[in-house]
C-alpha cells in the first residue's frame, strides 16, 4: 500500500489539472464523453500442490477497467483509464491502478501529452528489451506484458518520414510482486515495503527518455535512450528481524541505449531489438532477433498461420536477472479471421545453457458482441536447479480461464 498511497499523493496536481480541463470543456462536452470498459472474472487451476508455505493451490479473481475518452475537433483529447483487480487468495494481486489519465494537446507542429500514460517500444513477440518507460505489473501476468501507468510529460514532433519523442518521467513506479499466498513466486517473499534505491530521491527521481522513429520503404527503425531508475530491480536476499528470509528490491540508476527494427518482406516479418545498458551494478548488452512467416489461407480460406522464431542473448549469462540469457523461442499464431475473432498463440522456449524448457498457449474467441473467452496455459519441463527462475516455479504449471464482459 505504500507505493499506492505515495503514488496517489504525487498525482494530486494531475487530478487538479484534469478537473480543470473537464470543467473547461463545459457541460455539453462532458455529456459527450465516451464511456467503455469491461468486467473480467478469471480462474486459475494449478494441478500440482504448492511448494512454499502460505501458498494456495487454486485462485479466482475479477478485474474491472473503465475508459472515459473525449476528443475535440482539432484532435486534442482527454483519457481516463482506472483499473482494479480483486483476488480471492493473493492480497498483493488485489490492487488498483490508474493505467491512463492524461490530456493530449495536438497542434500542426507537435503533440503534447501530460498526465499518466502507457507507452510501448519494441518489435518482438516473446522478449521486450527496449520497452522501458512503464513498470511491469507482475502480479497481473508473469509474461511481463501488463504495465502500470507512468506519470509523464511527452512531446512528440512529427517529420515527413520520422517522429521524435521526448519524455520527462517525474515519478517512479515500483514493480508489483506476488504475496505470500500467491503462486508463481520464489520461495522467499519480495518485501516491497522496504525497497532500496541508489539515488536518495528514491521514487521522486526525475527520469528522462527520448526515441527517434524512422520509416523507410517497408522498414521501421526505433532509436531510443533512457536515463533514470532501472525498471528491473535487483533482488537482494536478507533476513528479517523475525528470522524470515526476504527478498528486497534494489533500484539502481542506469543509462540505456536501444534499437528496435521491423521489416516486412512479403509474408516475412523481420524483427530485432538490442540494448546497451550501464549502471553501478552492471554494464552489458543484450539482443533478441528473429522473424515471423505467415502462411496465408492455411487449411481454411480465411485462416492465417504465423510461424515465429526468436533468439535472445544476454551478455551477463545465467548470473544476470534475465529469463532469456541464451534462449531459442518458437511460436505458432493461428488467426481464423472469422466473425468471432478466434486466435491461438502457442510458444516454446529452450535455454541453451541450462536445457530447461517452457511452453505456453493462449486462445481467445468472442461470443456475440460483448463477451470474450480466453484460455491460457503455462507448462515447465523439470527445469534444473541452475535455472533459478524456472526451478522456483517448477510446480506452478497452470491453466487459466478468463471471461470478459465488455460494456
Protein backbone atom coordinates (compact mmCIF):
# COMPACT_ATOMS: atom_id res chain seq x y z
CA UNK A 1 0.00 0.00 0.00
CA UNK A 2 2.96 2.33 0.50
CA UNK A 3 3.54 2.60 -3.25
CA UNK A 4 -0.15 3.14 -3.96
CA UNK A 5 -0.54 5.83 -1.29
CA UNK A 6 2.56 7.77 -2.29
CA UNK A 7 1.66 7.42 -5.94
CA UNK A 8 -1.74 8.99 -5.49
CA UNK A 9 -0.29 11.75 -3.33
CA UNK A 10 2.05 12.51 -6.19
CA UNK A 11 -0.89 12.66 -8.63
CA UNK A 12 -2.79 15.44 -6.82
CA UNK A 13 -1.63 18.07 -9.28
CA UNK A 14 -2.55 15.83 -12.20
CA UNK A 15 -6.07 15.35 -10.85
CA UNK A 16 -6.48 19.10 -10.30
CA UNK A 17 -5.29 19.79 -13.83
CA UNK A 18 -7.64 17.14 -15.28
CA UNK A 19 -10.60 18.51 -13.30
CA UNK A 20 -9.85 21.97 -14.66
CA UNK A 21 -9.86 20.62 -18.22
CA UNK A 22 -13.16 18.81 -17.70
CA UNK A 23 -14.78 21.95 -16.31
CA UNK A 24 -13.29 24.00 -19.13
CA UNK A 25 -14.92 21.92 -21.88
CA UNK A 26 -18.37 22.67 -20.49
CA UNK A 27 -21.50 20.69 -19.69
CA UNK A 28 -22.37 19.63 -23.25
CA UNK A 29 -18.88 18.30 -23.91
CA UNK A 30 -18.81 16.44 -20.60
CA UNK A 31 -22.03 14.67 -21.59
CA UNK A 32 -20.35 13.70 -24.89
CA UNK A 33 -17.52 11.84 -23.15
CA UNK A 34 -17.45 8.21 -24.32
CA UNK A 35 -17.54 5.55 -21.59
CA UNK A 36 -16.45 1.96 -22.19
CA UNK A 37 -14.92 -0.78 -20.07
CA UNK A 38 -15.05 -4.40 -19.01
CA UNK A 39 -15.51 -6.81 -16.12
CA UNK A 40 -13.41 -9.98 -16.35
CA UNK A 41 -13.76 -12.92 -13.91
CA UNK A 42 -10.73 -15.23 -14.01
CA UNK A 43 -9.92 -18.64 -12.56
CA UNK A 44 -6.57 -20.41 -12.39
CA UNK A 45 -6.13 -24.14 -11.76
CA UNK A 46 -2.75 -25.47 -10.58
CA UNK A 47 -2.56 -29.28 -10.97
CA UNK A 48 0.42 -29.61 -8.60
CA UNK A 49 0.38 -28.83 -4.89
CA UNK A 50 2.07 -25.61 -3.82
CA UNK A 51 5.77 -25.68 -2.94
CA UNK A 52 6.02 -22.88 -0.39
CA UNK A 53 4.42 -22.13 2.96
CA UNK A 54 1.33 -19.93 2.81
CA UNK A 55 0.51 -20.51 -0.86
CA UNK A 56 -2.93 -21.55 -2.11
CA UNK A 57 -3.48 -24.24 -4.71
CA UNK A 58 -6.05 -22.50 -6.93
CA UNK A 59 -7.14 -18.95 -7.49
CA UNK A 60 -10.11 -16.85 -8.54
CA UNK A 61 -10.23 -13.13 -9.24
CA UNK A 62 -12.11 -10.43 -11.11
CA UNK A 63 -10.67 -7.44 -12.99
CA UNK A 64 -12.57 -4.22 -13.70
CA UNK A 65 -11.49 -1.48 -16.07
CA UNK A 66 -13.25 1.72 -17.16
CA UNK A 67 -12.23 4.01 -20.00
CA UNK A 68 -13.53 7.56 -20.37
CA UNK A 69 -12.48 9.40 -23.52
CA UNK A 70 -13.31 12.75 -25.08
CA UNK A 71 -11.90 14.27 -28.27
CA UNK A 72 -12.17 17.83 -29.52
CA UNK A 73 -12.46 18.84 -33.16
CA UNK A 74 -8.73 19.63 -33.51
CA UNK A 75 -7.69 16.13 -32.36
CA UNK A 76 -6.87 17.06 -28.76
CA UNK A 77 -8.30 14.58 -26.24
CA UNK A 78 -8.54 13.55 -22.61
CA UNK A 79 -8.35 9.91 -21.44
CA UNK A 80 -9.03 8.29 -18.07
CA UNK A 81 -8.49 4.52 -17.56
CA UNK A 82 -8.74 3.22 -13.96
CA UNK A 83 -8.12 -0.50 -13.30
CA UNK A 84 -8.70 -2.78 -10.32
CA UNK A 85 -8.39 -6.49 -9.55
CA UNK A 86 -9.83 -8.36 -6.58
CA UNK A 87 -8.16 -11.72 -5.87
CA UNK A 88 -9.56 -14.45 -3.62
CA UNK A 89 -6.19 -15.63 -2.27
CA UNK A 90 -3.31 -13.29 -3.07
CA UNK A 91 -3.65 -9.95 -1.25
CA UNK A 92 -0.81 -8.49 -3.32
CA UNK A 93 -2.70 -9.31 -6.51
CA UNK A 94 -5.70 -7.39 -5.21
CA UNK A 95 -4.63 -3.96 -6.35
CA UNK A 96 -5.77 -0.91 -8.26
CA UNK A 97 -4.02 1.44 -10.62
CA UNK A 98 -4.59 4.36 -12.96
CA UNK A 99 -3.45 2.97 -16.29
CA UNK A 100 -4.04 6.31 -18.01
CA UNK A 101 -5.13 9.82 -17.00
CA UNK A 102 -3.80 12.35 -19.49
CA UNK A 103 -4.57 15.30 -21.70
CA UNK A 104 -3.33 15.25 -25.30
CA UNK A 105 -2.85 18.64 -26.94
CA UNK A 106 -2.49 18.48 -30.73
CA UNK A 107 -1.06 21.24 -32.93
CA UNK A 108 0.18 21.26 -36.53
CA UNK A 109 3.82 21.11 -35.38
CA UNK A 110 3.80 18.80 -32.35
CA UNK A 111 1.75 16.84 -29.83
CA UNK A 112 2.00 17.11 -26.03
CA UNK A 113 0.69 14.50 -23.59
CA UNK A 114 0.54 15.33 -19.87
CA UNK A 115 -0.56 13.05 -17.04
CA UNK A 116 -0.38 9.27 -16.62
CA UNK A 117 0.14 7.18 -19.74
CA UNK A 118 1.29 3.92 -21.28
CA UNK A 119 3.99 3.72 -23.94
CA UNK A 120 5.23 0.58 -25.69
CA UNK A 121 8.55 0.32 -27.50
CA UNK A 122 9.63 -2.84 -29.28
CA UNK A 123 9.13 -5.33 -32.06
CA UNK A 124 9.46 -8.85 -30.63
CA UNK A 125 6.78 -11.33 -29.59
CA UNK A 126 8.35 -13.01 -26.54
CA UNK A 127 11.13 -10.72 -25.24
CA UNK A 128 10.84 -6.92 -24.97
CA UNK A 129 14.28 -5.44 -24.33
CA UNK A 130 13.81 -1.80 -25.30
CA UNK A 131 10.41 -1.30 -23.62
CA UNK A 132 11.42 0.70 -20.53
CA UNK A 133 9.01 3.61 -19.98
CA UNK A 134 6.32 1.78 -17.94
CA UNK A 135 6.88 -0.51 -14.97
CA UNK A 136 5.82 -4.17 -15.19
CA UNK A 137 2.65 -5.14 -13.31
CA UNK A 138 3.98 -8.61 -12.46
CA UNK A 139 1.01 -9.73 -10.35
CA UNK A 140 -1.22 -9.44 -13.41
CA UNK A 141 0.74 -11.91 -15.52
CA UNK A 142 4.21 -13.42 -15.36
CA UNK A 143 4.83 -12.72 -19.06
CA UNK A 144 5.55 -9.06 -18.19
CA UNK A 145 3.20 -7.62 -20.80
CA UNK A 146 0.88 -5.81 -18.37
CA UNK A 147 2.19 -2.39 -17.27
CA UNK A 148 1.48 0.18 -14.57
CA UNK A 149 0.53 3.72 -15.52
CA UNK A 150 3.51 6.10 -15.67
CA UNK A 151 3.34 9.84 -14.83
CA UNK A 152 4.88 11.66 -17.77
CA UNK A 153 5.24 14.68 -19.94
CA UNK A 154 5.61 13.55 -23.56
CA UNK A 155 6.30 15.84 -26.51
CA UNK A 156 6.12 14.24 -29.97
CA UNK A 157 7.39 16.06 -33.07
CA UNK A 158 6.44 14.51 -36.45
CA UNK A 159 8.52 14.88 -39.60
CA UNK A 160 7.98 13.64 -43.14
CA UNK A 161 9.16 10.05 -42.56
CA UNK A 162 10.05 10.07 -38.88
CA UNK A 163 8.97 11.24 -35.45
CA UNK A 164 10.91 12.36 -32.39
CA UNK A 165 9.61 11.84 -28.84
CA UNK A 166 10.86 13.40 -25.59
CA UNK A 167 9.78 12.11 -22.17
CA UNK A 168 10.07 13.59 -18.69
CA UNK A 169 9.11 10.97 -16.07
CA UNK A 170 8.75 12.71 -12.68
CA UNK A 171 7.72 9.72 -10.55
CA UNK A 172 8.93 6.09 -10.40
CA UNK A 173 6.58 3.12 -10.04
CA UNK A 174 7.87 0.11 -8.11
CA UNK A 175 7.30 -3.34 -9.58
CA UNK A 176 4.47 -5.42 -8.17
CA UNK A 177 5.22 -8.93 -6.83
CA UNK A 178 3.04 -11.82 -5.61
CA UNK A 179 2.38 -12.01 -1.87
CA UNK A 180 2.93 -14.96 0.45
CA UNK A 181 -0.34 -16.60 -0.66
CA UNK A 182 0.39 -16.24 -4.38
CA UNK A 183 1.65 -18.86 -6.82
CA UNK A 184 4.30 -18.17 -9.48
CA UNK A 185 6.80 -16.80 -6.95
CA UNK A 186 10.20 -17.61 -5.45
CA UNK A 187 10.47 -19.38 -2.05
CA UNK A 188 11.18 -16.00 -0.44
CA UNK A 189 8.55 -13.28 -0.50
CA UNK A 190 9.60 -9.95 -2.05
CA UNK A 191 9.32 -7.22 0.60
CA UNK A 192 8.04 -4.31 -1.48
CA UNK A 193 7.57 -2.14 1.63
CA UNK A 194 11.33 -1.81 2.16
CA UNK A 195 12.61 -1.27 -1.36
CA UNK A 196 16.08 0.29 -1.61
CA UNK A 197 17.29 2.91 -4.10
CA UNK A 198 20.68 4.02 -5.33
CA UNK A 199 19.51 7.63 -5.61
CA UNK A 200 18.49 9.44 -2.43
CA UNK A 201 15.44 10.92 -4.20
CA UNK A 202 14.01 7.37 -4.43
CA UNK A 203 10.64 7.40 -6.21
CA UNK A 204 10.79 11.16 -6.74
CA UNK A 205 13.83 10.87 -9.03
CA UNK A 206 13.10 12.50 -12.41
CA UNK A 207 13.89 10.22 -15.36
CA UNK A 208 14.34 11.22 -18.99
CA UNK A 209 13.96 9.37 -22.27
CA UNK A 210 13.88 10.03 -26.00
CA UNK A 211 13.07 7.98 -29.08
CA UNK A 212 13.51 8.60 -32.81
CA UNK A 213 11.25 6.51 -35.06
CA UNK A 214 12.22 6.30 -38.74
CA UNK A 215 10.12 4.76 -41.53
CA UNK A 216 11.52 3.98 -44.96
CA UNK A 217 10.11 1.61 -47.57
CA UNK A 218 8.87 -1.43 -45.60
CA UNK A 219 11.09 -0.90 -42.55
CA UNK A 220 10.51 0.80 -39.21
CA UNK A 221 13.51 1.65 -37.01
CA UNK A 222 13.43 3.00 -33.47
CA UNK A 223 16.46 4.55 -31.76
CA UNK A 224 15.96 5.17 -28.03
CA UNK A 225 17.82 6.42 -24.97
CA UNK A 226 16.81 6.29 -21.30
CA UNK A 227 18.43 7.88 -18.23
CA UNK A 228 16.92 7.12 -14.83
CA UNK A 229 15.79 4.46 -12.37
CA UNK A 230 16.05 0.89 -13.58
CA UNK A 231 12.61 -0.70 -14.03
CA UNK A 232 14.18 -4.14 -13.40
CA UNK A 233 15.05 -4.37 -9.67
CA UNK A 234 17.97 -6.36 -8.36
CA UNK A 235 16.59 -8.73 -5.68
CA UNK A 236 18.79 -8.94 -2.59
CA UNK A 237 18.21 -11.77 -0.10
CA UNK A 238 18.08 -10.59 3.53
CA UNK A 239 16.82 -11.91 6.86
CA UNK A 240 14.10 -10.03 8.72
CA UNK A 241 14.13 -9.31 12.46
CA UNK A 242 11.88 -12.34 12.97
CA UNK A 243 14.38 -14.63 11.24
CA UNK A 244 12.42 -14.94 7.96
CA UNK A 245 14.25 -14.80 4.64
CA UNK A 246 13.08 -11.97 2.39
CA UNK A 247 13.97 -10.53 -1.00
CA UNK A 248 14.48 -6.76 -1.05
CA UNK A 249 14.17 -4.90 -4.39
CA UNK A 250 17.09 -2.58 -5.14
CA UNK A 251 16.63 0.01 -7.88
CA UNK A 252 19.83 1.39 -9.42
CA UNK A 253 20.36 4.35 -11.72
CA UNK A 254 21.07 3.33 -15.31
CA UNK A 255 21.50 4.60 -18.82
CA UNK A 256 20.23 2.53 -21.72
CA UNK A 257 20.62 2.92 -25.47
CA UNK A 258 18.36 0.78 -27.64
CA UNK A 259 17.37 -0.04 -31.18
CA UNK A 260 14.31 -1.88 -32.50
CA UNK A 261 13.61 -2.78 -36.10
CA UNK A 262 10.85 -4.42 -38.13
CA UNK A 263 10.93 -5.13 -41.84
CA UNK A 264 8.05 -6.50 -43.93
CA UNK A 265 9.14 -8.52 -46.97
CA UNK A 266 6.06 -10.19 -48.40
CA UNK A 267 4.96 -12.91 -45.98
CA UNK A 268 8.16 -12.41 -43.96
CA UNK A 269 8.35 -10.03 -41.00
CA UNK A 270 11.91 -9.50 -39.73
CA UNK A 271 12.42 -8.27 -36.16
CA UNK A 272 15.30 -7.10 -33.98
CA UNK A 273 15.78 -5.48 -30.56
CA UNK A 274 19.10 -4.66 -28.90
CA UNK A 275 20.17 -2.63 -25.87
CA UNK A 276 23.37 -1.49 -24.20
CA UNK A 277 22.87 -0.68 -20.51
CA UNK A 278 25.31 0.67 -17.97
CA UNK A 279 24.97 1.47 -14.27
CA UNK A 280 26.67 0.92 -10.92
CA UNK A 281 25.82 -2.81 -10.77
CA UNK A 282 26.45 -3.96 -14.33
CA UNK A 283 27.39 -2.91 -17.84
CA UNK A 284 26.18 -5.24 -20.58
CA UNK A 285 24.48 -5.68 -23.92
CA UNK A 286 21.50 -7.85 -24.84
CA UNK A 287 19.96 -8.66 -28.19
CA UNK A 288 16.94 -10.57 -29.48
CA UNK A 289 16.16 -11.16 -33.12
CA UNK A 290 14.03 -13.34 -35.33
CA UNK A 291 11.25 -13.49 -37.86
CA UNK A 292 7.60 -14.33 -38.40
CA UNK A 293 6.44 -16.03 -41.57
CA UNK A 294 2.71 -16.12 -42.37
CA UNK A 295 1.05 -18.94 -44.32
CA UNK A 296 -1.99 -17.21 -45.85
CA UNK A 297 -5.09 -19.35 -46.30
CA UNK A 298 -3.80 -22.13 -44.05
CA UNK A 299 -6.26 -25.09 -44.25
CA UNK A 300 -9.24 -22.68 -44.29
CA UNK A 301 -9.58 -19.95 -46.96
CA UNK A 302 -9.55 -17.06 -44.47
CA UNK A 303 -7.17 -18.53 -41.88
CA UNK A 304 -3.57 -17.37 -41.44
CA UNK A 305 -0.82 -19.29 -39.64
CA UNK A 306 2.20 -17.35 -38.44
CA UNK A 307 5.44 -19.19 -37.62
CA UNK A 308 7.55 -17.24 -35.09
CA UNK A 309 11.25 -17.84 -34.43
CA UNK A 310 13.30 -15.72 -32.00
CA UNK A 311 16.67 -15.99 -30.27
CA UNK A 312 17.73 -13.95 -27.23
CA UNK A 313 21.24 -13.42 -25.84
CA UNK A 314 22.22 -11.54 -22.67
CA UNK A 315 25.91 -10.84 -22.08
CA UNK A 316 25.52 -11.44 -18.31
CA UNK A 317 24.63 -15.10 -18.84
CA UNK A 318 22.96 -17.04 -16.03
CA UNK A 319 24.33 -14.54 -13.47
CA UNK A 320 22.07 -11.81 -14.82
CA UNK A 321 18.49 -11.03 -13.82
CA UNK A 322 17.15 -12.15 -17.20
CA UNK A 323 14.92 -15.10 -18.05
CA UNK A 324 16.30 -15.14 -21.59
CA UNK A 325 20.09 -15.09 -21.45
CA UNK A 326 20.70 -17.71 -24.17
CA UNK A 327 17.28 -18.90 -25.29
CA UNK A 328 15.68 -20.04 -28.52
CA UNK A 329 11.93 -19.40 -28.81
CA UNK A 330 9.40 -20.78 -31.24
CA UNK A 331 5.73 -19.95 -31.67
CA UNK A 332 2.68 -20.52 -33.84
CA UNK A 333 -0.07 -17.92 -34.22
CA UNK A 334 -3.31 -19.14 -35.82
CA UNK A 335 -5.80 -16.42 -36.79
CA UNK A 336 -9.05 -17.68 -38.27
CA UNK A 337 -10.20 -14.19 -39.35
CA UNK A 338 -13.74 -15.24 -38.52
CA UNK A 339 -16.57 -13.14 -37.10
CA UNK A 340 -15.71 -14.32 -33.57
CA UNK A 341 -12.07 -13.19 -33.86
CA UNK A 342 -10.65 -16.62 -32.97
CA UNK A 343 -6.90 -16.60 -32.27
CA UNK A 344 -4.47 -19.19 -30.87
CA UNK A 345 -0.87 -18.38 -29.88
CA UNK A 346 1.49 -21.12 -28.71
CA UNK A 347 5.05 -20.58 -27.53
CA UNK A 348 8.01 -22.79 -26.65
CA UNK A 349 11.38 -21.70 -25.29
CA UNK A 350 14.59 -23.67 -24.81
CA UNK A 351 17.51 -22.47 -22.67
CA UNK A 352 20.73 -23.49 -24.37
CA UNK A 353 22.74 -23.16 -21.14
CA UNK A 354 20.52 -24.97 -18.63
CA UNK A 355 18.46 -27.03 -21.13
CA UNK A 356 15.23 -26.00 -19.37
CA UNK A 357 12.03 -25.84 -21.39
CA UNK A 358 8.88 -23.75 -21.13
CA UNK A 359 5.66 -23.96 -23.13
CA UNK A 360 2.68 -21.61 -23.16
CA UNK A 361 -0.61 -21.28 -25.00
CA UNK A 362 -3.30 -18.60 -25.22
CA UNK A 363 -6.60 -18.97 -27.06
CA UNK A 364 -9.31 -16.32 -27.37
CA UNK A 365 -12.71 -16.08 -29.04
CA UNK A 366 -15.62 -13.65 -28.87
CA UNK A 367 -19.17 -14.70 -28.09
CA UNK A 368 -21.51 -12.17 -29.61
CA UNK A 369 -20.53 -8.50 -29.48
CA UNK A 370 -19.81 -8.11 -25.76
CA UNK A 371 -18.26 -11.32 -24.38
CA UNK A 372 -14.78 -12.76 -24.93
CA UNK A 373 -13.36 -16.09 -23.70
CA UNK A 374 -9.60 -16.50 -23.17
CA UNK A 375 -7.83 -19.73 -22.15
CA UNK A 376 -4.22 -19.59 -21.02
CA UNK A 377 -1.74 -22.32 -20.05
CA UNK A 378 1.85 -22.49 -18.75
CA UNK A 379 3.97 -25.66 -18.55
CA UNK A 380 7.59 -26.22 -17.46
CA UNK A 381 9.51 -29.45 -18.07
CA UNK A 382 11.54 -30.32 -14.94
CA UNK A 383 13.85 -27.28 -15.02
CA UNK A 384 17.30 -27.88 -13.47
CA UNK A 385 18.47 -26.14 -10.30
CA UNK A 386 20.88 -23.88 -12.17
CA UNK A 387 17.91 -22.26 -13.97
CA UNK A 388 16.91 -20.42 -10.80
CA UNK A 389 13.79 -18.68 -12.08
CA UNK A 390 12.07 -21.69 -13.64
CA UNK A 391 13.27 -24.07 -10.90
CA UNK A 392 11.47 -21.94 -8.31
CA UNK A 393 8.30 -22.22 -10.45
CA UNK A 394 8.67 -25.91 -11.30
CA UNK A 395 5.31 -26.90 -9.73
CA UNK A 396 3.40 -23.79 -10.84
CA UNK A 397 2.08 -25.09 -14.16
CA UNK A 398 -1.44 -23.75 -14.56
CA UNK A 399 -4.50 -23.41 -16.75
CA UNK A 400 -6.44 -20.14 -16.60
CA UNK A 401 -9.85 -19.19 -17.96
CA UNK A 402 -10.99 -15.58 -18.27
CA UNK A 403 -14.43 -14.39 -19.36
CA UNK A 404 -14.52 -10.69 -20.30
CA UNK A 405 -17.80 -8.79 -20.42
CA UNK A 406 -17.50 -5.52 -22.35
CA UNK A 407 -19.85 -2.60 -21.86
